[in-house]
Amino acid sequence: MGASGWNYVTAYDGDVKAAVVALKARVFEEEYGDGDSYGSLAELYEDEEFMGTEGTHTVLDIPRTVLTADADQDGALRPLAADRVTHHFGTDLPTVQRYAELVAAANDAMSHQAYEQSLLGECEERWTGCYVVLHTEGVPTHLGVFGVSGD
């Protein structure tokens, strides 16, 4: 099936890990809420063959959330390094609107090189993801979450 990129914006109240747990619950409900395949997120994660080979092609594929950009990337959702936030957003207080603009620009990139240099290109290693704290009027209110997963 190949790898898939994905991205989300989710509410943030100061606790990154809690925001990611809430995002994963929302994505699980959207993808598997009918209960036909998996009755819970825990049940999905117990299907090691599916998760280890095909995956969901969503944030659900990333089991760990870490709080430092220099953490081991394998299987981790990590913050985008501060210098890369400033590089892409032009500020250390990125907004939800600017995140949406950068995601759209990355998705519209006509060449592989342009995509690699985009915000989403920061996370091309499969089975990993990044997050950025986004602001509204200078106050942190959301996370922008993006990554790549799938076989």
C-alpha atoms as a PDB file:
ATOM      1  CA  MET A   1       0.000   0.000   0.000  1.00  0.00           C
ATOM      2  CA  GLY A   2       2.917   2.389   0.657  1.00  0.00           C
ATOM      3  CA  ALA A   3       3.508   5.162   3.142  1.00  0.00           C
ATOM      4  CA  SER A   4       1.007   7.913   3.821  1.00  0.00           C
ATOM      5  CA  GLY A   5       1.470  11.365   5.247  1.00  0.00           C
ATOM      6  CA  TRP A   6      -1.140  12.710   7.653  1.00  0.00           C
ATOM      7  CA  ASN A   7      -1.744  15.860   9.659  1.00  0.00           C
ATOM      8  CA  TYR A   8      -4.161  17.144  12.275  1.00  0.00           C
ATOM      9  CA  VAL A   9      -4.908  20.170  14.388  1.00  0.00           C
ATOM     10  CA  THR A  10      -6.121  19.384  17.893  1.00  0.00           C
ATOM     11  CA  ALA A  11      -6.937  21.344  21.033  1.00  0.00           C
ATOM     12  CA  TYR A  12      -4.105  21.906  23.489  1.00  0.00           C
ATOM     13  CA  ASP A  13      -4.351  23.024  27.106  1.00  0.00           C
ATOM     14  CA  GLY A  14      -0.703  22.829  28.145  1.00  0.00           C
ATOM     15  CA  ASP A  15      -0.326  19.034  28.306  1.00  0.00           C
ATOM     16  CA  VAL A  16       1.091  17.621  25.053  1.00  0.00           C
ATOM     17  CA  LYS A  17       0.609  13.987  25.975  1.00  0.00           C
ATOM     18  CA  ALA A  18      -3.025  14.548  27.022  1.00  0.00           C
ATOM     19  CA  ALA A  19      -3.704  16.410  23.755  1.00  0.00           C
ATOM     20  CA  VAL A  20      -2.242  13.507  21.750  1.00  0.00           C
ATOM     21  CA  VAL A  21      -4.281  10.952  23.717  1.00  0.00           C
ATOM     22  CA  ALA A  22      -7.439  12.966  22.960  1.00  0.00           C
ATOM     23  CA  LEU A  23      -6.457  13.231  19.283  1.00  0.00           C
ATOM     24  CA  LYS A  24      -5.886   9.482  19.062  1.00  0.00           C
ATOM     25  CA  ALA A  25      -9.266   8.816  20.685  1.00  0.00           C
ATOM     26  CA  ARG A  26     -10.920  11.104  18.128  1.00  0.00           C
ATOM     27  CA  VAL A  27      -9.110   9.489  15.187  1.00  0.00           C
ATOM     28  CA  PHE A  28      -9.913   5.995  16.470  1.00  0.00           C
ATOM     29  CA  GLU A  29     -13.592   6.917  16.706  1.00  0.00           C
ATOM     30  CA  GLU A  30     -13.555   8.348  13.167  1.00  0.00           C
ATOM     31  CA  GLU A  31     -11.764   5.320  11.694  1.00  0.00           C
ATOM     32  CA  TYR A  32     -13.083   2.424  13.776  1.00  0.00           C
ATOM     33  CA  GLY A  33     -16.065   3.792  15.697  1.00  0.00           C
ATOM     34  CA  ASP A  34     -18.455   1.346  14.087  1.00  0.00           C
ATOM     35  CA  GLY A  35     -16.852  -1.448  16.138  1.00  0.00           C
ATOM     36  CA  ASP A  36     -16.712  -3.797  13.154  1.00  0.00           C
ATOM     37  CA  SER A  37     -12.917  -4.113  13.189  1.00  0.00           C
ATOM     38  CA  TYR A  38     -11.756  -3.135  16.656  1.00  0.00           C
ATOM     39  CA  GLY A  39     -13.742  -2.429  19.787  1.00  0.00           C
ATOM     40  CA  SER A  40     -11.124  -0.193  21.366  1.00  0.00           C
ATOM     41  CA  LEU A  41      -7.797   1.455  20.725  1.00  0.00           C
ATOM     42  CA  ALA A  42      -6.182  -1.139  23.001  1.00  0.00           C
ATOM     43  CA  GLU A  43      -7.636  -3.907  20.839  1.00  0.00           C
ATOM     44  CA  LEU A  44      -6.214  -2.229  17.716  1.00  0.00           C
ATOM     45  CA  TYR A  45      -2.767  -2.057  19.338  1.00  0.00           C
ATOM     46  CA  GLU A  46      -2.999  -5.742  20.290  1.00  0.00           C
ATOM     47  CA  ASP A  47      -3.151  -6.605  16.574  1.00  0.00           C
ATOM     48  CA  GLU A  48       0.637  -6.534  16.274  1.00  0.00           C
ATOM     49  CA  GLU A  49       0.668  -8.073  12.797  1.00  0.00           C
ATOM     50  CA  PHE A  50      -1.587  -5.348  11.355  1.00  0.00           C
ATOM     51  CA  MET A  51       0.081  -2.523  13.263  1.00  0.00           C
ATOM     52  CA  GLY A  52       3.584  -3.796  12.458  1.00  0.00           C
ATOM     53  CA  THR A  53       3.073  -4.247   8.739  1.00  0.00           C
ATOM     54  CA  GLU A  54       0.212  -2.213   7.310  1.00  0.00           C
ATOM     55  CA  GLY A  55      -0.786   0.225  10.026  1.00  0.00           C
ATOM     56  CA  THR A  56      -3.678   2.656   9.983  1.00  0.00           C
ATOM     57  CA  HIS A  57      -1.955   5.435   7.988  1.00  0.00           C
ATOM     58  CA  THR A  58      -2.933   7.836  10.795  1.00  0.00           C
ATOM     59  CA  VAL A  59      -1.473   9.210  14.012  1.00  0.00           C
ATOM     60  CA  LEU A  60      -2.620   5.936  15.611  1.00  0.00           C
ATOM     61  CA  ASP A  61       0.503   4.321  14.123  1.00  0.00           C
ATOM     62  CA  ILE A  62       2.816   6.352  16.360  1.00  0.00           C
ATOM     63  CA  PRO A  63       2.888   4.716  19.806  1.00  0.00           C
ATOM     64  CA  ARG A  64       5.143   7.138  21.713  1.00  0.00           C
ATOM     65  CA  THR A  65       4.953  10.856  22.373  1.00  0.00           C
ATOM     66  CA  VAL A  66       8.176  12.504  23.517  1.00  0.00           C
ATOM     67  CA  LEU A  67       8.737  16.037  24.745  1.00  0.00           C
ATOM     68  CA  THR A  68      12.188  16.744  23.276  1.00  0.00           C
ATOM     69  CA  ALA A  69      13.130  17.177  19.634  1.00  0.00           C
ATOM     70  CA  ASP A  70      16.369  15.243  20.020  1.00  0.00           C
ATOM     71  CA  ALA A  71      14.678  12.086  21.317  1.00  0.00           C
ATOM     72  CA  ASP A  72      14.939   8.789  19.457  1.00  0.00           C
ATOM     73  CA  GLN A  73      12.663   9.181  16.446  1.00  0.00           C
ATOM     74  CA  ASP A  74      11.704   5.553  15.896  1.00  0.00           C
ATOM     75  CA  GLY A  75       7.999   5.210  16.601  1.00  0.00           C
ATOM     76  CA  ALA A  76       7.830   8.625  18.242  1.00  0.00           C
ATOM     77  CA  LEU A  77       5.817  11.783  17.909  1.00  0.00           C
ATOM     78  CA  ARG A  78       8.211  14.577  18.867  1.00  0.00           C
ATOM     79  CA  PRO A  79       8.230  18.378  18.881  1.00  0.00           C
ATOM     80  CA  LEU A  80       9.571  20.106  15.814  1.00  0.00           C
ATOM     81  CA  ALA A  81      12.890  21.663  16.859  1.00  0.00           C
ATOM     82  CA  ALA A  82      12.633  25.341  17.821  1.00  0.00           C
ATOM     83  CA  ASP A  83      14.946  26.490  15.019  1.00  0.00           C
ATOM     84  CA  ARG A  84      12.800  24.610  12.468  1.00  0.00           C
ATOM     85  CA  VAL A  85       9.629  26.199  13.872  1.00  0.00           C
ATOM     86  CA  THR A  86      11.176  29.644  13.365  1.00  0.00           C
ATOM     87  CA  HIS A  87      12.445  28.628   9.924  1.00  0.00           C
ATOM     88  CA  HIS A  88       9.007  27.596   8.673  1.00  0.00           C
ATOM     89  CA  PHE A  89       6.752  29.996  10.562  1.00  0.00           C
ATOM     90  CA  GLY A  90       9.028  33.024  10.882  1.00  0.00           C
ATOM     91  CA  THR A  91       8.181  33.225  14.591  1.00  0.00           C
ATOM     92  CA  ASP A  92       8.338  31.167  17.758  1.00  0.00           C
ATOM     93  CA  LEU A  93       4.568  31.697  18.204  1.00  0.00           C
ATOM     94  CA  PRO A  94       3.105  29.945  15.143  1.00  0.00           C
ATOM     95  CA  THR A  95      -0.632  30.216  14.539  1.00  0.00           C
ATOM     96  CA  VAL A  96      -3.272  27.713  13.526  1.00  0.00           C
ATOM     97  CA  GLN A  97      -3.910  29.716  10.355  1.00  0.00           C
ATOM     98  CA  ARG A  98      -0.239  29.726   9.348  1.00  0.00           C
ATOM     99  CA  TYR A  99      -0.008  25.987  10.036  1.00  0.00           C
ATOM    100  CA  ALA A 100      -2.940  25.401   7.674  1.00  0.00           C
ATOM    101  CA  GLU A 101      -1.249  27.558   5.026  1.00  0.00           C
ATOM    102  CA  LEU A 102       2.043  25.671   5.309  1.00  0.00           C
ATOM    103  CA  VAL A 103       0.297  22.283   5.153  1.00  0.00           C
ATOM    104  CA  ALA A 104      -1.617  23.381   2.040  1.00  0.00           C
ATOM    105  CA  ALA A 105       1.592  24.639   0.424  1.00  0.00           C
ATOM    106  CA  ALA A 106       3.337  21.341   1.189  1.00  0.00           C
ATOM    107  CA  ASN A 107       0.449  19.365  -0.267  1.00  0.00           C
ATOM    108  CA  ASP A 108       0.505  21.555  -3.373  1.00  0.00           C
ATOM    109  CA  ALA A 109       4.290  21.224  -3.845  1.00  0.00           C
ATOM    110  CA  MET A 110       4.936  20.371  -7.470  1.00  0.00           C
ATOM    111  CA  SER A 111       8.317  18.738  -6.927  1.00  0.00           C
ATOM    112  CA  HIS A 112       9.768  16.298  -4.447  1.00  0.00           C
ATOM    113  CA  GLN A 113      12.465  18.844  -3.553  1.00  0.00           C
ATOM    114  CA  ALA A 114       9.854  21.527  -2.756  1.00  0.00           C
ATOM    115  CA  TYR A 115       8.000  19.046  -0.540  1.00  0.00           C
ATOM    116  CA  GLU A 116      11.216  18.035   1.249  1.00  0.00           C
ATOM    117  CA  GLN A 117      11.844  21.691   2.076  1.00  0.00           C
ATOM    118  CA  SER A 118       8.293  22.227   3.349  1.00  0.00           C
ATOM    119  CA  LEU A 119       6.975  21.909   6.885  1.00  0.00           C
ATOM    120  CA  LEU A 120       5.639  18.403   6.207  1.00  0.00           C
ATOM    121  CA  GLY A 121       8.997  17.447   4.708  1.00  0.00           C
ATOM    122  CA  GLU A 122      10.474  17.764   8.193  1.00  0.00           C
ATOM    123  CA  CYS A 123       9.066  14.318   8.914  1.00  0.00           C
ATOM    124  CA  GLU A 124       9.753  11.895   6.093  1.00  0.00           C
ATOM    125  CA  GLU A 125      10.952   8.941   8.144  1.00  0.00           C
ATOM    126  CA  ARG A 126       8.163   6.375   8.250  1.00  0.00           C
ATOM    127  CA  TRP A 127       6.477   5.540  11.531  1.00  0.00           C
ATOM    128  CA  THR A 128       7.343   8.919  13.066  1.00  0.00           C
ATOM    129  CA  GLY A 129       5.646  12.265  13.558  1.00  0.00           C
ATOM    130  CA  CYS A 130       6.166  15.828  14.724  1.00  0.00           C
ATOM    131  CA  TYR A 131       4.051  18.345  16.559  1.00  0.00           C
ATOM    132  CA  VAL A 132       4.075  22.120  16.827  1.00  0.00           C
ATOM    133  CA  VAL A 133       2.389  24.144  19.560  1.00  0.00           C
ATOM    134  CA  LEU A 134       0.104  26.635  17.804  1.00  0.00           C
ATOM    135  CA  HIS A 135      -1.086  29.957  19.210  1.00  0.00           C
ATOM    136  CA  THR A 136      -4.143  32.176  19.091  1.00  0.00           C
ATOM    137  CA  GLU A 137      -3.396  35.795  19.983  1.00  0.00           C
ATOM    138  CA  GLY A 138      -0.111  34.682  21.564  1.00  0.00           C
ATOM    139  CA  VAL A 139      -1.696  31.967  23.729  1.00  0.00           C
ATOM    140  CA  PRO A 140      -0.939  28.261  23.075  1.00  0.00           C
ATOM    141  CA  THR A 141      -4.283  26.715  22.056  1.00  0.00           C
ATOM    142  CA  HIS A 142      -3.652  23.889  19.590  1.00  0.00           C
ATOM    143  CA  LEU A 143      -1.158  21.329  18.381  1.00  0.00           C
ATOM    144  CA  GLY A 144      -0.359  20.829  14.731  1.00  0.00           C
ATOM    145  CA  VAL A 145       0.492  17.124  14.384  1.00  0.00           C
ATOM    146  CA  PHE A 146       1.960  15.543  11.240  1.00  0.00           C
ATOM    147  CA  GLY A 147       3.868  12.454  10.222  1.00  0.00           C
ATOM    148  CA  VAL A 148       4.300   9.478   7.935  1.00  0.00           C
ATOM    149  CA  SER A 149       3.260   5.878   8.443  1.00  0.00           C
ATOM    150  CA  GLY A 150       2.303   2.757   6.547  1.00  0.00           C
ATOM    151  CA  ASP A 151       4.384   0.068   4.926  1.00  0.00           C
END
